[in-house]
Protein backbone atom coordinates (compact mmCIF):
# COMPACT_ATOMS: atom_id res chain seq x y z
CA MET A 1 194.13 -33.62 -76.19
CA LYS A 2 197.65 -34.51 -77.27
CA LYS A 3 198.66 -35.26 -73.67
CA TRP A 4 195.58 -37.45 -73.25
CA ALA A 5 196.44 -39.39 -76.38
CA VAL A 6 199.99 -39.96 -75.18
CA ASN A 7 198.77 -41.16 -71.79
CA PHE A 8 196.20 -43.43 -73.42
CA TYR A 9 198.91 -44.90 -75.66
CA LEU A 10 201.11 -45.60 -72.64
CA VAL A 11 198.24 -47.30 -70.81
CA VAL A 12 197.58 -49.49 -73.85
CA ILE A 13 201.25 -50.49 -74.01
CA VAL A 14 201.25 -51.41 -70.31
CA LEU A 15 198.04 -53.46 -70.67
CA VAL A 16 199.36 -55.29 -73.73
CA SER A 17 202.59 -56.03 -71.85
CA ILE A 18 200.68 -57.38 -68.85
CA ILE A 19 198.41 -59.51 -71.02
CA GLY A 20 201.37 -60.78 -73.01
CA PHE A 21 203.28 -61.60 -69.84
CA SER A 22 200.27 -63.40 -68.37
CA SER A 23 199.84 -65.36 -71.59
CA THR A 24 203.50 -66.34 -71.57
CA GLN A 25 203.24 -67.41 -67.95
CA ALA A 26 200.15 -69.50 -68.70
CA LYS A 27 201.93 -71.21 -71.60
CA ALA A 28 204.96 -71.89 -69.43
CA ALA A 29 202.98 -73.65 -66.70
CA ILE A 30 203.58 -77.40 -66.64
CA GLU A 31 200.37 -79.01 -67.83
CA PRO A 32 201.10 -82.69 -68.44
CA GLY A 33 199.39 -84.71 -71.10
CA ASN A 34 198.06 -88.16 -70.30
CA GLU A 35 198.89 -91.58 -71.69
CA ILE A 36 196.33 -94.28 -70.95
CA LYS A 37 197.77 -97.79 -71.09
CA PHE A 38 196.35 -101.28 -70.71
CA ASN A 39 198.04 -104.63 -71.06
CA ILE A 40 195.85 -107.05 -72.99
CA LYS A 41 196.09 -110.82 -73.12
CA SER A 42 198.60 -112.07 -75.64
CA GLU A 43 196.93 -115.42 -76.31
CA PRO A 44 194.00 -114.22 -78.46
CA PHE A 45 196.09 -111.80 -80.50
CA THR A 46 197.97 -113.04 -83.49
CA GLU A 47 199.09 -110.36 -85.89
CA SER A 48 195.99 -110.84 -88.03
CA ASP A 49 193.80 -110.43 -84.91
CA ILE A 50 195.53 -107.15 -84.04
CA LEU A 51 195.09 -105.88 -87.60
CA ASN A 52 191.38 -106.78 -87.55
CA VAL A 53 190.30 -105.90 -84.00
CA PHE A 54 192.12 -102.57 -83.90
CA GLN A 55 191.91 -101.71 -87.63
CA ALA A 56 195.66 -101.50 -87.33
CA THR A 57 198.61 -101.20 -89.67
CA LYS A 58 202.03 -102.56 -88.84
CA LYS A 59 204.59 -99.86 -88.16
CA ASP A 60 208.01 -101.02 -86.89
CA GLU A 61 210.04 -103.91 -85.62
CA VAL A 62 212.28 -102.71 -82.81
CA LYS A 63 214.85 -103.94 -80.31
CA ILE A 64 214.75 -102.20 -76.93
CA TYR A 65 217.61 -101.97 -74.44
CA PHE A 66 217.62 -100.47 -70.93
CA PHE A 67 220.82 -99.29 -69.23
CA ASP A 68 221.24 -99.42 -65.46
CA THR A 69 223.62 -100.79 -62.84
CA PRO A 70 223.28 -104.39 -61.59
CA ASN A 71 221.58 -103.06 -58.43
CA ARG A 72 219.44 -100.69 -60.56
CA ALA A 73 220.82 -97.48 -59.07
CA PHE A 74 219.21 -95.35 -61.78
CA LEU A 75 215.80 -96.95 -61.44
CA ASN A 76 215.93 -96.64 -57.67
CA GLU A 77 216.22 -92.86 -58.20
CA ASP A 78 213.52 -92.99 -60.91
CA TYR A 79 215.76 -92.52 -63.96
CA ILE A 80 215.16 -94.63 -67.07
CA HIS A 81 217.51 -94.88 -70.06
CA ARG A 82 216.05 -96.67 -73.06
CA LEU A 83 217.60 -97.35 -76.45
CA ARG A 84 215.38 -98.34 -79.38
CA VAL A 85 216.91 -99.62 -82.62
CA TYR A 86 214.68 -100.10 -85.67
CA LYS A 87 214.83 -102.99 -88.14
CA GLY A 88 215.51 -102.17 -91.77
CA SER A 89 216.48 -98.61 -90.93
CA ASN A 90 219.42 -96.52 -89.80
CA LYS A 91 217.17 -95.00 -87.14
CA MET A 92 217.58 -95.33 -83.40
CA ASP A 93 216.60 -93.21 -80.44
CA ILE A 94 217.58 -92.77 -76.81
CA THR A 95 214.89 -91.82 -74.32
CA TYR A 96 215.86 -90.17 -71.04
CA LYS A 97 213.04 -90.33 -68.50
CA LYS A 98 212.59 -89.08 -64.96
CA ARG A 99 209.48 -90.37 -63.23
CA PHE A 100 207.76 -89.70 -59.93
CA VAL A 101 206.40 -92.95 -58.51
CA ASN A 102 203.87 -92.64 -55.69
CA THR A 103 204.12 -88.83 -55.79
CA PRO A 104 201.01 -86.61 -55.99
CA LEU A 105 200.91 -84.67 -59.26
CA ASP A 106 201.11 -81.19 -57.71
CA GLU A 107 204.10 -82.24 -55.61
CA ALA A 108 205.84 -83.82 -58.62
CA ILE A 109 205.33 -80.67 -60.67
CA ALA A 110 206.62 -78.47 -57.83
CA ILE A 111 209.79 -80.60 -57.64
CA THR A 112 210.17 -80.40 -61.40
CA GLU A 113 209.88 -76.61 -61.35
CA SER A 114 212.47 -76.43 -58.57
CA HIS A 115 214.89 -78.07 -61.03
CA GLY A 116 214.45 -75.27 -63.54
CA PHE A 117 211.63 -76.62 -65.71
CA THR A 118 208.87 -74.22 -66.73
CA GLY A 119 206.72 -76.27 -69.09
CA ALA A 120 207.86 -74.18 -72.07
CA GLU A 121 210.58 -76.70 -73.00
CA SER A 122 209.49 -77.92 -76.44
CA ASN A 123 212.04 -80.73 -76.51
CA TYR A 124 210.74 -82.36 -73.31
CA LYS A 125 207.50 -84.26 -72.82
CA PHE A 126 205.54 -83.89 -69.57
CA GLU A 127 203.04 -86.68 -69.10
CA THR A 128 200.99 -88.64 -66.59
CA ASP A 129 201.24 -92.38 -67.26
CA ILE A 130 197.95 -94.07 -66.39
CA LYS A 131 198.14 -97.84 -66.04
CA GLY A 132 196.20 -99.99 -63.60
CA ASP A 133 196.03 -98.17 -60.28
CA ASN A 134 199.17 -96.16 -61.03
CA ARG A 135 199.28 -92.47 -61.92
CA THR A 136 202.89 -91.51 -62.54
CA PHE A 137 204.10 -88.09 -63.64
CA THR A 138 207.06 -88.33 -66.01
CA ILE A 139 209.48 -86.02 -67.79
CA SER A 140 211.11 -87.45 -70.88
CA ARG A 141 213.27 -86.39 -73.76
CA LYS A 142 214.00 -88.41 -76.88
CA GLU A 143 217.15 -88.00 -78.94
CA SER A 144 216.82 -89.37 -82.48
CA LEU A 145 220.12 -90.62 -83.91
CA LYS A 146 221.52 -92.74 -86.70
CA THR A 147 222.91 -96.23 -86.15
CA THR A 148 226.64 -96.81 -86.24
CA SER A 149 228.97 -99.72 -86.91
CA LYS A 150 228.82 -100.51 -83.18
CA ILE A 151 225.13 -99.83 -82.59
CA SER A 152 222.66 -101.38 -85.02
CA TYR A 153 219.59 -103.60 -85.07
CA ASP A 154 221.79 -106.68 -85.30
CA ALA A 155 224.10 -105.87 -82.37
CA VAL A 156 224.73 -103.20 -79.75
CA ASP A 157 228.14 -102.67 -78.16
CA THR A 158 227.49 -101.75 -74.52
CA SER A 159 230.46 -99.40 -74.16
CA ALA A 160 229.60 -97.55 -77.36
CA ALA A 161 225.95 -97.21 -76.29
CA LYS A 162 226.90 -95.85 -72.86
CA LYS A 163 229.23 -93.34 -74.51
CA LEU A 164 226.39 -92.23 -76.79
CA ILE A 165 224.00 -91.91 -73.83
CA LEU A 166 226.48 -89.65 -72.02
CA GLU A 167 227.23 -87.57 -75.13
CA ASN A 168 223.55 -86.82 -75.69
CA VAL A 169 222.24 -86.54 -72.13
CA PRO A 170 220.32 -83.28 -71.63
CA LYS A 171 221.90 -80.92 -69.09
CA LYS A 172 218.79 -80.92 -66.94
CA VAL A 173 218.96 -84.70 -66.64
CA LEU A 174 222.73 -84.74 -66.13
CA ASN A 175 222.49 -82.20 -63.31
CA TRP A 176 219.25 -83.36 -61.66
CA ASP A 177 221.21 -84.88 -58.77
CA SER A 178 224.82 -84.22 -59.70
CA GLU A 179 226.92 -84.64 -62.81
CA ALA A 180 229.52 -86.68 -60.90
CA TRP A 181 226.88 -89.10 -59.58
CA TYR A 182 225.31 -89.46 -63.01
CA GLN A 183 228.58 -90.16 -64.80
CA ASN A 184 229.75 -92.59 -62.13
CA THR A 185 226.45 -94.46 -62.19
CA LEU A 186 226.38 -94.66 -65.98
CA SER A 187 229.94 -95.98 -66.03
CA GLN A 188 228.74 -98.97 -63.97
CA ALA A 189 225.65 -99.61 -66.11
CA VAL A 190 224.94 -102.92 -67.80
CA VAL A 191 222.41 -103.83 -70.48
CA TYR A 192 218.92 -105.12 -69.72
CA GLY A 193 217.47 -106.67 -72.85
CA PRO A 194 217.05 -106.57 -75.69
CA ALA A 195 213.33 -107.07 -75.88
CA LYS A 196 211.89 -107.40 -79.37
CA ALA A 197 208.79 -105.38 -80.14
CA THR A 198 206.42 -105.05 -83.06
CA THR A 199 204.46 -101.81 -83.12
CA TYR A 200 201.12 -101.01 -84.76
CA LYS A 201 198.92 -97.94 -85.29
CA GLY A 202 195.17 -98.45 -85.01
CA SER A 203 192.09 -97.47 -83.06
CA PHE A 204 189.86 -98.76 -80.29
CA ALA A 205 186.40 -97.58 -79.27
CA GLY A 206 186.74 -94.59 -81.54
CA TYR A 207 190.10 -93.39 -80.25
CA ALA A 208 193.52 -93.58 -81.91
CA ALA A 209 195.57 -96.41 -80.43
CA ASP A 210 199.14 -97.67 -80.34
CA ILE A 211 199.67 -101.40 -79.94
CA GLU A 212 203.07 -102.81 -78.97
CA VAL A 213 203.82 -106.52 -78.77
CA TRP A 214 206.93 -107.09 -76.65
CA GLN A 215 208.80 -110.41 -76.42
CA TYR A 216 211.50 -111.09 -73.87
CA GLN A 217 212.91 -114.32 -72.43
CA GLY A 218 209.97 -116.39 -73.59
CA GLU A 219 207.28 -114.01 -72.34
CA ILE A 220 204.97 -111.76 -74.33
CA MET A 221 203.41 -108.46 -73.25
CA VAL A 222 200.88 -106.64 -75.40
CA GLU A 223 200.19 -103.00 -74.54
CA LEU A 224 197.34 -100.88 -75.89
CA SER A 225 197.70 -97.13 -75.37
CA THR A 226 196.49 -93.70 -76.39
CA LYS A 227 197.37 -90.09 -75.58
CA GLU A 228 194.99 -87.35 -74.47
CA ASP A 229 195.88 -83.86 -73.26
CA ASP A 230 192.64 -83.21 -71.40
CA ALA A 231 192.61 -84.96 -68.00
CA LEU A 232 188.80 -85.27 -67.83
CA LYS A 233 188.60 -86.80 -71.29
CA ALA A 234 191.50 -89.12 -70.42
CA ALA A 235 189.49 -90.40 -67.43
CA VAL A 236 186.51 -91.08 -69.72
CA ILE A 237 188.70 -92.99 -72.19
CA GLU A 238 190.31 -94.99 -69.39
CA ARG A 239 186.93 -96.08 -68.03
CA GLU A 240 185.50 -96.87 -71.45
CA TRP A 241 188.53 -98.85 -72.54
CA HIS A 242 188.66 -100.75 -69.26
CA ASP A 243 185.01 -101.74 -69.46
CA ARG A 244 185.17 -102.77 -73.12
CA LEU A 245 188.39 -104.75 -72.68
CA ALA A 246 187.05 -106.48 -69.58
CA THR A 247 183.73 -107.32 -71.23
CA ALA A 248 185.49 -108.73 -74.29
CA GLY A 249 187.81 -110.80 -72.08
CA TYR A 250 190.88 -109.04 -73.48
CA LEU A 251 192.15 -107.40 -70.29
CA SER A 252 195.30 -108.94 -68.80
CA GLU A 253 195.69 -109.45 -65.06
CA ASP A 254 199.32 -108.37 -65.47
CA GLN A 255 199.44 -104.58 -65.71
CA ARG A 256 203.19 -104.14 -65.33
CA GLY A 257 204.97 -101.41 -67.24
CA LYS A 258 207.26 -102.28 -70.13
CA THR A 259 210.36 -101.26 -68.14
CA ALA A 260 209.45 -103.71 -65.36
CA PHE A 261 208.69 -106.41 -67.95
CA VAL A 262 212.35 -106.34 -68.99
CA MET A 263 214.26 -105.17 -65.93
CA ASP A 264 212.49 -107.34 -63.35
CA LYS A 265 213.71 -110.52 -65.02
């Protein structure tokens, strides 16, 4: 009886270990969330319209800078470096993003895993950007920092900003291609921007919504977006939002991304 009990105990330990391992593996799998985005026409939307139509509250005023070489060497390899500096605050953040344009999701995830990602990285965000006909898998990491005498809402010194980008770059971004290539490319980077943006929190058709009004070189882009982890539900939201925006006459013909809005100038 004693031997049986010992054997039973060992079997239980093995089963618990297997279940625990399987659970860990399941959690580690890369399962991207989804961000549904639509550009809406800027003409009908004054601030009071945004507050009313989307039951929104104003959140931040921000200046946004992108850093790339004159021939956009980073963007050509699908890297994005974005600096946001907030008005009336000592807050700023740098976003490092790697995207997979025109790449099937399973292929993009396989490439990501080959670079050492497991999906368990809590400080990275894995997401499918859904905008127009585009479905783009992205990996991003945001570093929240405090402004300095050389980097503030009023002015950004390019050299100081590039130094800060390099000091805070995650190792997995730095070494995606090669550290030497990354550093050399960043050293040649110039500033694109700044765009000015006003951000709002609201809702549309029963779903939480972010609204961002971007202004750059005399043009205005208004983006409506929401996040949803479940891919099937994201597809439902996308269709519902598209139909409602189109019916209301709000949908813009221009469905560019915000990066293109600034860097394509």
